[in-house]
Protein backbone atom coordinates (compact mmCIF):
# COMPACT_ATOMS: atom_id res chain seq x y z
CA MET A 1 97.66 137.68 90.59
CA LYS A 2 101.24 138.95 91.80
CA THR A 3 104.04 136.06 92.23
CA PHE A 4 106.64 137.22 94.85
CA ILE A 5 110.20 135.21 95.02
CA PHE A 6 112.74 134.58 96.48
CA VAL A 7 115.84 132.38 97.31
CA TYR A 8 117.40 130.72 100.20
CA ASN A 9 118.92 127.32 101.13
CA ARG A 10 122.13 126.40 98.99
CA LEU A 11 122.79 123.17 99.44
CA TYR A 12 125.49 120.72 97.70
CA MET A 13 124.39 117.43 98.10
CA SER A 14 126.34 114.14 96.07
CA GLN A 15 127.86 116.90 93.55
CA ARG A 16 123.80 118.26 93.08
CA ILE A 17 123.31 122.37 94.07
CA PHE A 18 119.70 122.23 95.53
CA GLN A 19 118.20 125.44 95.71
CA SER A 20 115.06 126.94 97.59
CA TYR A 21 112.52 128.78 95.69
CA LYS A 22 109.46 130.29 97.82
CA VAL A 23 107.06 131.50 96.15
CA SER A 24 103.40 132.53 96.63
CA GLY A 25 100.58 132.95 93.85
CA ALA A 26 103.02 130.87 91.31
CA GLY A 27 99.50 129.23 89.96
CA GLY A 28 100.78 127.89 86.50
CA ILE A 29 104.34 128.32 86.36
CA ILE A 30 104.89 124.34 86.94
CA HIS A 31 103.13 121.48 84.80
CA LYS A 32 101.54 121.00 81.61
CA ASN A 33 104.14 124.75 80.43
CA LEU A 34 107.28 122.84 82.19
CA LEU A 35 106.26 119.19 79.99
CA HIS A 36 106.53 121.62 77.11
CA ARG A 37 109.93 122.72 77.53
CA ALA A 38 110.96 119.87 78.96
CA ARG A 39 110.53 118.40 75.18
CA GLN A 40 112.66 121.42 73.72
CA HIS A 41 115.38 121.37 75.94
CA PHE A 42 115.53 117.30 76.82
CA ASP A 43 115.44 114.14 75.22
CA THR A 44 114.61 112.46 78.90
CA ALA A 45 112.10 113.39 81.46
CA VAL A 46 109.55 112.48 84.13
CA PHE A 47 106.91 113.42 85.84
CA LEU A 48 105.68 111.30 89.00
CA ASN A 49 101.86 113.51 90.11
CA SER A 50 100.36 112.09 92.93
CA ASN A 51 97.87 115.28 92.32
CA GLY A 52 96.98 115.83 95.51
CA TYR A 53 95.56 112.42 96.61
CA ASN A 54 95.10 112.25 100.32
CA ALA A 55 93.94 108.31 100.70
CA ASP A 56 97.77 106.64 100.46
CA LYS A 57 99.19 106.50 103.94
CA TYR A 58 102.43 105.44 102.14
CA GLY A 59 102.12 108.32 100.01
CA SER A 60 105.49 110.22 99.15
CA LEU A 61 105.92 112.64 97.11
CA PRO A 62 103.00 115.20 95.66
CA TRP A 63 105.34 115.06 93.04
CA VAL A 64 108.67 114.84 90.83
CA TYR A 65 110.19 115.91 87.86
CA GLY A 66 113.34 114.24 86.81
CA LEU A 67 114.68 116.36 83.10
CA GLY A 68 117.42 115.59 81.30
CA ALA A 69 119.35 112.05 81.75
CA HIS A 70 123.21 113.23 83.43
CA GLU A 71 124.04 109.31 83.50
CA ALA A 72 121.40 106.75 82.20
CA TYR A 73 121.72 102.67 82.73
CA VAL A 74 119.45 101.32 79.22
CA GLY A 75 118.70 97.47 79.84
CA LYS A 76 119.13 95.42 77.21
CA GLN A 77 118.27 91.81 76.73
CA LYS A 78 119.93 89.66 79.62
CA ASN A 79 120.97 89.96 83.26
CA VAL A 80 119.31 93.10 84.28
CA PHE A 81 119.39 93.18 87.72
CA ARG A 82 122.70 93.10 88.07
CA ASP A 83 123.55 96.12 86.02
CA LEU A 84 120.76 97.43 87.27
CA LYS A 85 122.25 97.22 90.92
CA GLY A 86 125.75 97.87 89.61
CA PHE A 87 124.76 101.51 88.27
CA ALA A 88 122.07 102.35 91.20
CA ASP A 89 125.24 101.85 93.97
CA LYS A 90 127.27 104.12 92.07
CA HIS A 91 124.57 107.36 92.96
CA GLU A 92 124.13 108.16 96.01
CA ASP A 93 121.29 110.87 94.28
CA TRP A 94 118.00 110.30 92.67
CA LEU A 95 117.59 107.76 89.87
CA PHE A 96 114.12 107.66 88.01
CA GLY A 97 113.20 104.82 85.63
CA PHE A 98 111.27 101.89 84.71
CA PHE A 99 110.94 98.74 84.03
CA SER A 100 108.66 96.45 81.10
CA TYR A 101 106.71 93.98 80.81
CA GLU A 102 108.82 92.34 78.71
CA LEU A 103 111.40 92.32 81.73
CA LYS A 104 109.85 88.65 82.93
CA ASN A 105 111.31 86.90 79.88
CA GLN A 106 115.18 87.44 82.34
CA LEU A 107 113.59 85.74 85.15
CA GLU A 108 111.68 83.12 83.99
CA LYS A 109 112.32 80.69 81.36
CA LEU A 110 109.13 82.89 79.04
CA SER A 111 109.79 83.93 75.93
CA SER A 112 107.06 87.26 73.85
CA LYS A 113 105.85 86.23 69.92
CA ASN A 114 104.50 89.32 69.36
CA THR A 115 106.42 93.34 68.21
CA ASP A 116 106.96 95.27 70.39
CA HIS A 117 105.32 98.41 67.52
CA ALA A 118 106.04 101.21 70.57
CA GLY A 119 110.10 99.19 70.58
CA TRP A 120 110.99 100.48 74.11
CA PRO A 121 113.62 99.18 76.60
CA VAL A 122 113.34 96.18 78.55
CA CYS A 123 114.97 98.77 81.53
CA HIS A 124 115.68 102.32 81.79
CA PHE A 125 117.40 104.08 84.48
CA PHE A 126 118.81 107.52 84.43
CA ARG A 127 120.35 110.33 87.48
CA PRO A 128 118.13 113.48 86.08
CA GLN A 129 120.16 116.96 85.36
CA VAL A 130 117.57 118.75 86.58
CA LEU A 131 114.90 117.61 89.80
CA ILE A 132 112.38 119.87 91.21
CA MET A 133 110.28 119.09 94.05
CA PRO A 134 107.52 120.89 95.95
CA GLU A 135 108.83 122.70 99.20
CA PRO A 136 105.54 124.16 101.87
CA ASN A 137 105.55 127.28 100.38
CA GLY A 138 107.37 126.66 96.77
CA ILE A 139 110.36 124.43 94.75
CA ARG A 140 113.20 123.00 95.65
CA ILE A 141 115.66 122.68 92.88
CA GLY A 142 118.74 120.45 92.20
CA THR A 143 121.27 120.41 89.19
CA LEU A 144 124.16 119.03 88.57
CA PRO A 145 127.59 120.33 87.40
CA GLY A 146 129.17 120.09 83.73
CA HIS A 147 125.48 120.92 81.53
CA PRO A 148 126.35 123.60 78.97
CA ILE A 149 123.28 125.55 79.95
CA PHE A 150 121.37 123.87 83.16
CA ALA A 151 124.30 123.32 86.37
CA ASP A 152 122.34 125.43 87.84
CA PRO A 153 119.31 125.79 89.23
CA ASP A 154 119.00 129.69 89.26
CA ARG A 155 118.71 129.00 85.31
CA VAL A 156 116.60 126.72 85.64
CA PHE A 157 114.48 128.37 87.69
CA ASN A 158 114.06 131.29 85.13
CA MET A 159 113.06 128.61 82.53
CA ILE A 160 110.29 127.72 84.47
CA LEU A 161 109.35 131.95 85.44
CA LYS A 162 109.04 132.24 81.17
CA ALA A 163 107.54 129.25 80.82
CA LYS A 164 104.15 129.71 78.31
CA PRO A 165 102.28 127.74 77.02
CA LEU A 166 103.04 126.77 73.64
CA GLN A 167 101.17 126.82 70.71
CA GLN A 168 100.37 123.50 69.82
CA SER A 169 98.19 122.01 66.87
CA PRO A 170 95.96 119.41 67.93
CA GLY A 171 97.01 117.22 65.27
CA ASN A 172 95.47 114.71 62.76
CA PRO A 173 92.39 113.13 64.06
CA VAL A 174 93.47 109.75 65.73
CA LYS A 175 91.54 106.43 63.81
CA ILE A 176 92.09 103.65 66.37
CA GLN A 177 91.69 100.32 65.79
CA ALA A 178 92.00 97.27 67.76
CA ARG A 179 94.22 94.20 67.08
CA VAL A 180 91.31 91.83 68.35
CA ASP A 181 87.63 91.48 66.86
CA LYS A 182 84.51 90.30 69.06
CA ALA A 183 84.46 87.04 67.50
CA ARG A 184 88.75 85.97 68.36
CA TYR A 185 88.18 87.86 71.73
CA LEU A 186 85.12 85.67 72.68
CA GLY A 187 87.09 82.54 71.25
CA GLN A 188 90.22 83.29 73.07
CA LEU A 189 88.29 83.80 76.36
CA LYS A 190 87.17 80.03 76.19
CA ALA A 191 89.99 78.36 75.40
CA ILE A 192 91.37 80.56 78.75
CA LYS A 193 87.70 79.67 80.71
CA GLU A 194 89.10 75.68 79.03
CA HIS A 195 92.86 75.56 81.28
CA ILE A 196 91.08 77.31 84.54
CA GLN A 197 88.69 74.59 84.17
CA ALA A 198 91.50 72.08 84.26
CA GLY A 199 92.93 73.10 86.87
CA ASP A 200 96.26 75.07 85.34
CA VAL A 201 95.66 78.68 86.71
CA TYR A 202 92.57 79.93 89.42
CA GLU A 203 92.98 83.20 87.28
CA MET A 204 94.83 85.08 84.60
CA ASN A 205 94.18 88.14 82.61
CA TYR A 206 93.72 88.53 79.17
CA CYS A 207 94.05 92.30 77.71
CA ILE A 208 94.02 93.17 73.54
CA GLU A 209 95.50 95.99 72.39
CA PHE A 210 94.10 98.98 70.73
CA PHE A 211 96.55 100.94 68.38
CA SER A 212 97.15 103.45 65.55
CA GLU A 213 99.93 104.25 62.62
CA GLY A 214 100.98 107.19 61.08
CA ALA A 215 98.83 108.91 65.03
CA ASN A 216 100.21 112.58 65.33
CA ILE A 217 99.48 113.79 68.71
CA ASP A 218 101.31 115.77 70.70
CA PRO A 219 102.02 113.86 73.92
CA VAL A 220 102.18 116.57 76.35
CA MET A 221 98.64 117.15 75.24
CA VAL A 222 97.58 113.96 75.42
CA TYR A 223 98.30 113.32 79.23
CA ASP A 224 97.07 116.33 80.50
CA ALA A 225 93.23 115.45 79.12
CA LEU A 226 93.90 111.67 80.36
CA ASN A 227 94.68 112.85 83.67
CA ASN A 228 92.51 115.37 83.94
CA VAL A 229 90.04 113.14 83.59
CA SER A 230 91.56 110.82 86.30
CA GLU A 231 93.19 112.35 88.56
CA THR A 232 95.10 109.21 90.13
CA PRO A 233 97.52 109.00 92.61
CA PHE A 234 100.09 107.24 90.16
CA SER A 235 99.63 109.13 87.25
CA CYS A 236 103.35 110.40 85.61
CA PHE A 237 104.46 111.39 82.03
CA TYR A 238 107.84 110.13 80.70
CA MET A 239 110.04 110.14 77.69
CA VAL A 240 113.23 108.69 76.46
CA ASP A 241 114.35 109.77 73.14
CA GLU A 242 111.22 109.60 71.06
CA LYS A 243 109.46 107.46 72.41
CA TYR A 244 106.35 108.65 75.26
CA LEU A 245 104.40 107.68 78.40
CA MET A 246 101.37 108.84 79.36
CA CYS A 247 100.09 107.41 82.33
CA ALA A 248 96.49 107.66 84.87
CA SER A 249 97.69 104.83 86.93
CA PRO A 250 95.82 104.11 89.76
CA GLU A 251 98.26 101.60 91.34
CA ARG A 252 100.99 100.97 93.51
CA PHE A 253 103.19 98.06 92.65
CA LEU A 254 105.69 98.60 95.45
CA ARG A 255 107.32 100.80 98.04
CA LYS A 256 110.22 100.25 99.99
CA GLN A 257 109.72 102.71 103.54
CA GLY A 258 113.31 102.12 105.53
CA ALA A 259 112.67 98.06 105.81
CA LYS A 260 109.07 98.00 105.02
CA LEU A 261 108.33 97.08 101.56
CA ILE A 262 104.73 97.70 100.27
CA SER A 263 102.43 96.03 97.78
CA GLN A 264 98.81 97.61 97.07
CA PRO A 265 96.70 95.29 94.48
CA ILE A 266 93.49 96.54 92.72
CA LYS A 267 91.52 93.83 91.79
CA GLY A 268 87.24 94.71 92.08
CA THR A 269 85.46 98.13 90.86
CA SER A 270 82.62 99.86 90.52
CA ALA A 271 81.56 102.97 89.31
CA ARG A 272 80.95 105.97 91.24
CA GLY A 273 77.21 106.51 92.76
CA MET A 274 75.57 110.05 92.32
CA ASN A 275 74.61 110.87 95.32
CA LYS A 276 76.02 109.91 98.65
CA GLU A 277 73.58 107.61 99.45
CA GLU A 278 74.22 106.11 95.98
CA ASP A 279 78.11 105.74 96.46
CA LEU A 280 77.58 104.29 99.39
CA ARG A 281 75.47 101.83 98.32
CA LEU A 282 77.58 100.47 95.82
CA ARG A 283 80.92 100.76 98.00
CA GLN A 284 78.85 97.79 100.48
CA GLU A 285 78.01 95.54 97.18
CA LEU A 286 81.56 95.82 96.20
CA PHE A 287 83.11 94.54 99.14
CA ASP A 288 80.06 91.70 99.04
CA ASP A 289 81.15 91.08 95.82
CA PRO A 290 82.08 87.14 95.75
CA LYS A 291 83.56 87.42 92.39
CA GLU A 292 85.92 90.37 92.39
CA ARG A 293 86.47 89.50 97.00
CA SER A 294 88.01 86.05 95.08
CA GLU A 295 89.89 87.76 93.08
CA ASN A 296 91.88 90.05 94.83
CA VAL A 297 92.84 87.66 98.04
CA MET A 298 94.09 85.25 95.05
CA ILE A 299 96.59 88.01 93.93
CA VAL A 300 97.43 89.23 97.87
CA ASP A 301 98.01 85.21 98.68
CA LEU A 302 100.42 85.59 95.48
CA VAL A 303 101.94 88.92 96.80
CA ARG A 304 102.45 87.11 99.89
CA ASN A 305 104.45 84.79 98.22
CA ASP A 306 106.65 87.44 96.24
CA LEU A 307 107.56 89.31 98.60
CA SER A 308 108.47 85.99 101.64
CA ARG A 309 110.80 85.72 99.20
CA THR A 310 113.31 88.93 99.89
CA ALA A 311 111.37 88.55 103.94
CA VAL A 312 112.56 88.53 107.02
CA LYS A 313 111.05 85.07 109.22
CA ASP A 314 107.83 86.02 109.86
CA SER A 315 107.28 89.70 108.99
CA VAL A 316 105.15 89.05 105.91
CA ARG A 317 101.20 90.94 106.61
CA VAL A 318 98.56 91.55 104.90
CA GLU A 319 97.32 95.16 107.04
CA GLU A 320 94.02 95.01 104.73
CA LEU A 321 92.25 93.05 102.92
CA PHE A 322 89.36 94.32 100.50
CA GLY A 323 89.77 97.87 101.17
CA ILE A 324 87.45 100.24 99.24
CA TYR A 325 88.79 103.53 97.67
CA PRO A 326 86.91 106.34 96.08
CA PHE A 327 88.56 107.15 93.05
CA ARG A 328 86.34 110.51 90.78
CA GLN A 329 85.17 107.96 88.53
CA VAL A 330 85.12 104.23 90.67
CA ASN A 331 85.84 102.91 93.50
CA GLN A 332 88.52 100.40 94.30
CA MET A 333 89.12 97.33 95.83
CA ILE A 334 93.03 98.07 97.15
CA SER A 335 94.52 95.39 99.63
CA THR A 336 97.94 95.83 101.75
CA ILE A 337 100.42 93.72 101.62
CA THR A 338 103.43 94.90 103.39
CA SER A 339 107.32 92.47 104.61
CA ARG A 340 110.65 94.06 106.38
CA LEU A 341 113.93 93.18 103.71
CA HIS A 342 115.72 90.76 104.94
CA PRO A 343 118.88 92.97 105.53
CA ASP A 344 121.37 89.76 103.61
CA CYS A 345 119.36 91.41 100.30
CA HIS A 346 119.96 94.03 98.25
CA TYR A 347 116.82 95.89 98.29
CA LEU A 348 116.40 96.03 94.28
CA ASP A 349 116.03 91.92 95.30
CA ALA A 350 112.56 92.93 96.57
CA ILE A 351 111.75 93.84 92.67
CA GLU A 352 112.94 91.89 91.32
CA ASN A 353 111.31 88.85 93.16
CA ALA A 354 107.70 90.62 92.40
CA PHE A 355 108.22 91.31 89.15
CA PRO A 356 106.02 91.00 87.19
CA MET A 357 103.17 92.11 89.59
CA GLY A 358 100.22 89.81 89.91
CA SER A 359 97.32 92.37 89.32
CA MET A 360 98.64 91.79 85.52
CA THR A 361 99.14 88.53 85.94
CA GLY A 362 97.08 85.95 87.49
CA ALA A 363 97.89 83.10 89.22
CA PRO A 364 99.26 81.04 89.78
CA LYS A 365 101.89 83.46 87.67
CA TYR A 366 104.40 81.41 85.80
CA ARG A 367 101.56 79.09 84.28
CA ALA A 368 99.83 82.46 83.86
CA MET A 369 102.27 84.49 81.98
CA GLN A 370 102.94 81.21 79.81
CA LEU A 371 99.31 82.01 78.60
CA ILE A 372 99.37 85.71 78.25
CA ASP A 373 101.69 84.74 75.30
CA ALA A 374 100.09 81.63 73.89
CA TYR A 375 96.56 83.98 74.30
CA GLU A 376 96.82 87.83 74.19
CA ASP A 377 98.10 89.74 70.44
CA SER A 378 100.21 92.15 71.45
CA CYS A 379 103.24 92.94 72.69
CA ARG A 380 102.38 94.11 76.24
CA GLY A 381 106.21 96.56 76.74
CA LEU A 382 105.48 99.10 78.94
CA TYR A 383 102.36 98.39 79.26
CA SER A 384 102.18 95.79 82.79
CA GLY A 385 105.72 97.12 83.93
CA ALA A 386 106.50 99.98 86.57
CA VAL A 387 107.36 103.42 86.62
CA GLY A 388 108.71 105.00 89.40
CA TYR A 389 112.49 106.30 91.50
CA ILE A 390 114.60 105.83 93.44
CA SER A 391 116.12 107.58 96.47
CA PRO A 392 119.60 108.77 97.70
CA GLU A 393 118.39 106.39 100.66
CA LYS A 394 118.19 103.62 98.38
CA ASN A 395 114.22 103.68 99.39
CA PHE A 396 111.79 103.61 96.44
CA ASP A 397 108.26 103.80 94.79
CA PHE A 398 107.22 102.81 91.96
CA ASN A 399 103.36 102.17 89.98
CA VAL A 400 102.32 99.79 87.96
CA VAL A 401 101.72 101.32 84.47
CA ILE A 402 97.74 100.95 83.96
CA ARG A 403 95.17 102.74 82.03
CA SER A 404 98.18 103.89 79.96
CA ILE A 405 99.21 105.41 76.32
CA LEU A 406 102.52 104.82 75.06
CA TYR A 407 103.21 106.61 71.57
CA ASN A 408 106.38 106.46 69.27
CA ALA A 409 107.09 109.97 67.54
CA LYS A 410 109.27 108.11 65.11
CA ASN A 411 107.52 106.10 63.61
CA GLN A 412 104.00 107.44 64.44
CA TYR A 413 102.70 104.86 66.40
CA LEU A 414 100.20 104.43 69.00
CA SER A 415 98.59 102.14 71.33
CA TYR A 416 97.25 101.38 74.39
CA MET A 417 95.76 98.20 76.24
CA ALA A 418 92.87 97.35 78.10
CA GLY A 419 91.88 94.07 80.03
CA SER A 420 90.40 92.13 82.71
CA ALA A 421 91.14 89.37 85.10
CA ILE A 422 89.60 86.23 83.94
CA THR A 423 87.63 83.18 86.30
CA ILE A 424 85.92 80.73 86.43
CA GLY A 425 83.20 82.33 86.97
CA SER A 426 83.47 85.22 83.62
CA ASP A 427 81.11 86.47 81.36
CA PRO A 428 83.17 86.54 77.91
CA LEU A 429 80.93 88.82 76.13
CA ARG A 430 81.00 91.09 79.65
CA GLU A 431 84.33 90.81 79.63
CA TYR A 432 84.80 91.78 76.00
CA GLU A 433 82.10 94.55 76.51
CA GLU A 434 84.15 96.12 79.73
CA SER A 435 87.67 96.34 77.38
CA LEU A 436 85.77 97.53 75.34
CA LEU A 437 84.47 100.60 77.29
CA LYS A 438 87.74 101.22 78.90
CA ALA A 439 89.08 101.71 75.70
CA ARG A 440 86.79 104.19 74.43
CA ALA A 441 87.44 105.93 78.14
CA MET A 442 91.74 105.64 76.56
CA GLY A 443 90.69 106.96 73.74
CA GLY A 444 88.46 110.23 74.99
CA SER A 445 92.35 111.72 75.44
CA PHE A 446 93.17 112.64 71.53
């Protein structure tokens, strides 16, 4: 198909030059090929992708790229939120970044005994040199001055037009190992259920790591395979130096839209049916399942408490309880909790007081995190963290980093985790088999 292009609407905002390009028949000029090119030209890049999911009434951008770090903030081992507020307040511009699960050690009196082999910082945010986002009939490119090549949108657009699939070697077969064997898993769950029986926690999210040492992969090809299987609304590709996140998350952690905060925890999963009638039956069974409803409502109560710390009095609401939403492979039980941010609070206070998300810890959150540190055999790192953006208007949207592959190209370490919510009614053998099933699905990406 022939491609027709014309340029219009050149704007200058906060030093960023924006230019729009109307493109018909653009087809494959973006996404996978552009990610390959981003790896050639930049050491930092992010691609946030909703995969055209239209069931999210709080959705914002269909997709967006941030390429190159014009300025960056890398979180240290203390005062991350204080320092990040200073970095973010300097810029009336788009910022992209992540919070690692290990940031919990700054928010509570917690520690992690396990090594983070993937080597991610606890927090990373950057102001992109190049911003690319969709428009109704094309794309919009925003650049910042000072870059020797990509200071002008036309140069970026020419790069996009010339982007072609790179000839990539598939690499060597990736040999995956489980950090925890079956016997240890069953023993750990027995001990965790004793804590639940004693009333220490009502629910705890327990995860195990699957990893490979000496892995040689093409991260873009792996992300593309992972995303094609799942096509989730909070999918993302994140690159910083030689570390890569390939994420197919279906879950929103926290969104800010004006003064409104929206959290949408997922607890409850069922398979899709082979036909419409079977699918409707499975959705109803999920909605009626007392175990799934119990797990979901415990996390809803936890999120209500988290949001109340920064909320206008009496503004916390459960907009939807036990909503059943279909995805390509599964149905998910998703609840929606909202609040209004108190005017005396910094917008990042909302994240600080809700992080990490209850759906990945358990309830009560603090005790669940203590037990996670005691019983898990791997450092979660970026897994169970959050990736997203902050807009110039100081709105934001962050996902939950699940169904994700972490890769460190420097030491060739590849890792992904799988787990489930453990309650008093959990069957350890079934939970173990569920974890293996989730892991096999991830392993099909390479």
